[in-house]
């Protein structure tokens, strides 16, 4: 089984995406314990927007594309979707709210179903969990959890920010910044001012009557 982290996901051009090098490193860590799992970095090193059809055409042999059923249902919006569906078989892991049958109706092609215990964990859920100051352990492999802790990720994903802080702006990750995230949630202006001094004014915080607007981005360190 080849795991292929995307390089430049063009359908997420308007969203924050974790750096490719970090996603590649975490994929290597997650796959390391399984002899039949292989990490392929072909998309990381290819310039320009990442299209799955380009990857498929660059690899010899016949391939089965493994996706969540929700992702599979979105294939018609992909670049050269019809060519892709002609060249690969599709296997899906069913995701909450989207069945394999839903995916088949969307793409007009039968799919294989990978039978496994259902899981409702999503990458968005994991990012929100970490942004709220919790460890991702038991949600991701231990090696990946350790990697996230060491690298102290910061994210601009607005969904994550809402979950972590209850305000619009940037979520703050890493032990030194989780206290600040919780301070934002409590809307205590004095703690915000204390944090601003601590951060040497690398973060601009505007305090208005009953809300805090966070502007700017910084990394823990």
Protein backbone atom coordinates (compact mmCIF):
# COMPACT_ATOMS: atom_id res chain seq x y z
CA UNK A 1 0.00 0.00 0.00
CA UNK A 2 1.48 3.32 -1.06
CA UNK A 3 0.73 6.47 0.93
CA UNK A 4 1.11 9.57 -1.24
CA UNK A 5 0.90 12.91 0.59
CA UNK A 6 -0.35 15.63 -1.72
CA UNK A 7 2.04 18.40 -2.68
CA UNK A 8 -0.09 21.44 -3.58
CA UNK A 9 -3.79 20.59 -3.04
CA UNK A 10 -5.42 22.96 -5.52
CA UNK A 11 -8.94 22.46 -4.16
CA UNK A 12 -7.73 23.88 -0.82
CA UNK A 13 -6.10 26.98 -2.29
CA UNK A 14 -8.21 29.20 -0.01
CA UNK A 15 -7.48 27.15 3.14
CA UNK A 16 -4.55 26.75 5.49
CA UNK A 17 -2.67 23.52 4.73
CA UNK A 18 0.16 22.14 6.87
CA UNK A 19 3.51 22.35 5.10
CA UNK A 20 4.19 19.48 2.72
CA UNK A 21 7.48 18.57 4.41
CA UNK A 22 5.71 18.16 7.75
CA UNK A 23 2.91 16.06 6.28
CA UNK A 24 5.49 13.89 4.52
CA UNK A 25 7.43 13.39 7.75
CA UNK A 26 4.29 12.40 9.66
CA UNK A 27 3.31 9.97 6.91
CA UNK A 28 6.71 8.29 7.17
CA UNK A 29 6.31 8.00 10.94
CA UNK A 30 2.78 6.58 10.66
CA UNK A 31 3.77 3.97 8.08
CA UNK A 32 7.10 2.95 9.63
CA UNK A 33 5.79 0.06 11.70
CA UNK A 34 4.09 -1.71 8.80
CA UNK A 35 6.32 -3.59 6.37
CA UNK A 36 3.78 -3.43 3.54
CA UNK A 37 3.17 0.30 3.86
CA UNK A 38 5.32 2.47 1.59
CA UNK A 39 5.48 6.28 1.46
CA UNK A 40 5.75 7.80 -2.01
CA UNK A 41 6.79 11.47 -2.20
CA UNK A 42 6.16 11.89 -5.93
CA UNK A 43 3.50 14.57 -5.40
CA UNK A 44 5.55 16.50 -2.83
CA UNK A 45 8.37 17.01 -5.32
CA UNK A 46 6.24 17.73 -8.40
CA UNK A 47 5.88 21.45 -9.12
CA UNK A 48 2.51 23.08 -9.58
CA UNK A 49 -0.97 22.04 -8.43
CA UNK A 50 -1.29 18.37 -7.48
CA UNK A 51 -3.58 16.35 -9.72
CA UNK A 52 -4.17 12.67 -8.95
CA UNK A 53 -4.41 11.83 -12.64
CA UNK A 54 -0.80 13.03 -13.11
CA UNK A 55 0.34 10.71 -10.32
CA UNK A 56 -1.52 7.73 -11.72
CA UNK A 57 -0.09 8.29 -15.19
CA UNK A 58 3.44 8.50 -13.76
CA UNK A 59 3.22 5.13 -12.01
CA UNK A 60 3.54 1.87 -13.97
CA UNK A 61 1.01 -0.91 -13.53
CA UNK A 62 -2.60 -1.08 -12.42
CA UNK A 63 -3.67 0.74 -9.27
CA UNK A 64 -6.53 0.85 -6.81
CA UNK A 65 -7.17 4.29 -5.34
CA UNK A 66 -8.14 4.02 -1.65
CA UNK A 67 -10.25 6.90 -0.32
CA UNK A 68 -12.78 7.77 2.29
CA UNK A 69 -16.28 7.47 0.84
CA UNK A 70 -16.74 11.23 1.29
CA UNK A 71 -13.61 11.98 -0.75
CA UNK A 72 -14.61 9.46 -3.41
CA UNK A 73 -17.97 11.16 -3.81
CA UNK A 74 -16.10 14.34 -4.70
CA UNK A 75 -14.06 12.82 -7.54
CA UNK A 76 -16.30 14.37 -10.26
CA UNK A 77 -14.90 17.78 -9.22
CA UNK A 78 -11.29 16.61 -9.70
CA UNK A 79 -9.04 17.48 -12.63
CA UNK A 80 -9.67 15.08 -15.56
CA UNK A 81 -11.99 13.02 -13.39
CA UNK A 82 -13.29 10.87 -16.27
CA UNK A 83 -9.74 9.90 -17.31
CA UNK A 84 -8.90 9.05 -13.72
CA UNK A 85 -11.94 6.80 -13.28
CA UNK A 86 -11.05 4.94 -16.47
CA UNK A 87 -7.51 4.22 -15.27
CA UNK A 88 -7.99 3.13 -11.64
CA UNK A 89 -10.36 1.08 -9.54
CA UNK A 90 -11.75 2.81 -6.47
CA UNK A 91 -11.81 1.33 -2.96
CA UNK A 92 -13.47 3.20 -0.12
CA UNK A 93 -13.59 3.22 3.63
CA UNK A 94 -17.05 4.38 4.61
CA UNK A 95 -17.17 7.70 6.43
CA UNK A 96 -19.98 9.11 8.59
CA UNK A 97 -22.80 10.44 6.46
CA UNK A 98 -21.53 9.10 3.13
CA UNK A 99 -21.95 5.44 2.22
CA UNK A 100 -20.20 3.47 -0.48
CA UNK A 101 -23.46 3.54 -2.45
CA UNK A 102 -23.46 7.33 -2.24
CA UNK A 103 -19.95 7.35 -3.70
CA UNK A 104 -20.97 4.97 -6.48
CA UNK A 105 -23.90 7.19 -7.44
CA UNK A 106 -21.64 10.24 -7.49
CA UNK A 107 -18.94 8.74 -9.72
CA UNK A 108 -21.08 6.36 -11.79
CA UNK A 109 -18.83 3.41 -11.06
CA UNK A 110 -18.79 0.48 -8.67
CA UNK A 111 -16.37 0.73 -5.77
CA UNK A 112 -14.76 -1.83 -3.55
CA UNK A 113 -15.50 -1.48 0.17
CA UNK A 114 -12.72 -1.95 2.70
CA UNK A 115 -14.34 -3.53 5.72
CA UNK A 116 -13.05 -2.11 8.99
CA UNK A 117 -14.49 -0.85 12.27
CA UNK A 118 -16.09 2.56 11.66
CA UNK A 119 -14.25 5.62 12.90
CA UNK A 120 -15.51 9.16 13.21
CA UNK A 121 -12.07 10.71 13.65
CA UNK A 122 -11.24 13.32 11.03
CA UNK A 123 -8.15 15.44 10.43
CA UNK A 124 -10.19 18.53 11.33
CA UNK A 125 -11.17 16.94 14.64
CA UNK A 126 -7.54 16.12 15.41
CA UNK A 127 -6.37 19.66 14.62
CA UNK A 128 -9.11 21.11 16.82
CA UNK A 129 -8.21 18.69 19.61
CA UNK A 130 -4.57 19.75 19.52
CA UNK A 131 -5.44 23.44 19.21
CA UNK A 132 -7.52 23.16 22.37
CA UNK A 133 -4.39 22.06 24.23
CA UNK A 134 -4.98 18.31 24.23
CA UNK A 135 -2.56 15.60 23.19
CA UNK A 136 -3.38 13.80 19.92
CA UNK A 137 -2.21 10.52 21.46
CA UNK A 138 -4.59 7.62 20.73
CA UNK A 139 -5.94 9.61 17.76
CA UNK A 140 -2.73 9.23 15.74
CA UNK A 141 0.23 6.84 16.02
CA UNK A 142 2.47 7.59 19.02
CA UNK A 143 5.38 8.66 16.81
CA UNK A 144 3.16 11.19 15.05
CA UNK A 145 1.84 12.50 18.37
CA UNK A 146 5.41 13.04 19.55
CA UNK A 147 6.32 14.78 16.29
CA UNK A 148 3.40 17.20 16.64
CA UNK A 149 4.43 17.99 20.20
CA UNK A 150 8.06 18.67 19.29
CA UNK A 151 7.24 20.84 16.29
CA UNK A 152 4.58 22.92 18.04
CA UNK A 153 2.41 23.51 15.00
CA UNK A 154 0.48 26.71 14.54
CA UNK A 155 -2.60 26.72 12.34
CA UNK A 156 -4.74 29.31 10.60
CA UNK A 157 -7.64 26.94 9.96
CA UNK A 158 -10.71 28.98 11.06
CA UNK A 159 -12.61 25.83 12.05
CA UNK A 160 -9.82 24.90 14.41
CA UNK A 161 -9.63 28.41 15.82
CA UNK A 162 -13.33 28.43 16.62
CA UNK A 163 -13.01 25.09 18.41
CA UNK A 164 -9.94 26.14 20.37
CA UNK A 165 -10.61 29.76 21.25
CA UNK A 166 -14.19 30.60 20.42
CA UNK A 167 -13.05 33.58 18.34
CA UNK A 168 -12.06 34.32 14.77
CA UNK A 169 -8.33 34.57 14.06
CA UNK A 170 -5.47 32.18 14.52
CA UNK A 171 -5.25 29.12 16.74
CA UNK A 172 -2.13 28.82 18.85
CA UNK A 173 -0.48 25.47 19.38
CA UNK A 174 2.35 24.35 21.61
CA UNK A 175 2.65 24.26 25.41
CA UNK A 176 3.73 27.89 25.71
CA UNK A 177 0.70 29.12 23.79
CA UNK A 178 -2.12 26.90 24.98
CA UNK A 179 -2.50 29.06 28.10
CA UNK A 180 -3.01 32.04 25.85
CA UNK A 181 -5.64 30.21 23.81
CA UNK A 182 -7.59 29.46 26.97
CA UNK A 183 -7.16 33.07 28.08
CA UNK A 184 -8.80 34.17 24.85
CA UNK A 185 -11.69 31.86 25.54
CA UNK A 186 -12.21 33.55 28.89
CA UNK A 187 -12.06 37.04 27.38
CA UNK A 188 -9.80 38.41 30.11
CA UNK A 189 -8.22 41.60 28.76
CA UNK A 190 -5.49 41.65 31.40
CA UNK A 191 -4.31 38.18 30.42
CA UNK A 192 -4.36 39.14 26.78
CA UNK A 193 -2.15 42.16 27.54
CA UNK A 194 0.19 39.91 29.55
CA UNK A 195 0.41 37.52 26.62
CA UNK A 196 1.07 40.35 24.20
CA UNK A 197 4.05 41.48 26.28
CA UNK A 198 5.27 37.87 26.49
CA UNK A 199 5.10 37.55 22.72
CA UNK A 200 7.13 40.74 22.23
CA UNK A 201 4.33 42.27 20.19
CA UNK A 202 4.51 39.63 17.46
CA UNK A 203 0.77 39.25 17.82
CA UNK A 204 -1.67 42.14 17.51
CA UNK A 205 -4.70 41.74 19.73
CA UNK A 206 -7.64 44.12 19.67
CA UNK A 207 -9.89 44.10 22.72
CA UNK A 208 -13.41 45.44 22.35
CA UNK A 209 -16.27 45.41 24.84
CA UNK A 210 -17.12 41.73 24.85
CA UNK A 211 -14.97 40.18 22.18
CA UNK A 212 -11.34 39.72 21.26
CA UNK A 213 -10.12 39.86 17.69
CA UNK A 214 -6.83 38.13 17.03
CA UNK A 215 -4.79 39.36 14.10
CA UNK A 216 -1.46 37.96 12.93
CA UNK A 217 0.40 34.69 12.96
CA UNK A 218 3.37 33.48 14.94
CA UNK A 219 5.01 30.20 15.80
CA UNK A 220 5.89 28.97 19.27
CA UNK A 221 9.58 28.80 19.96
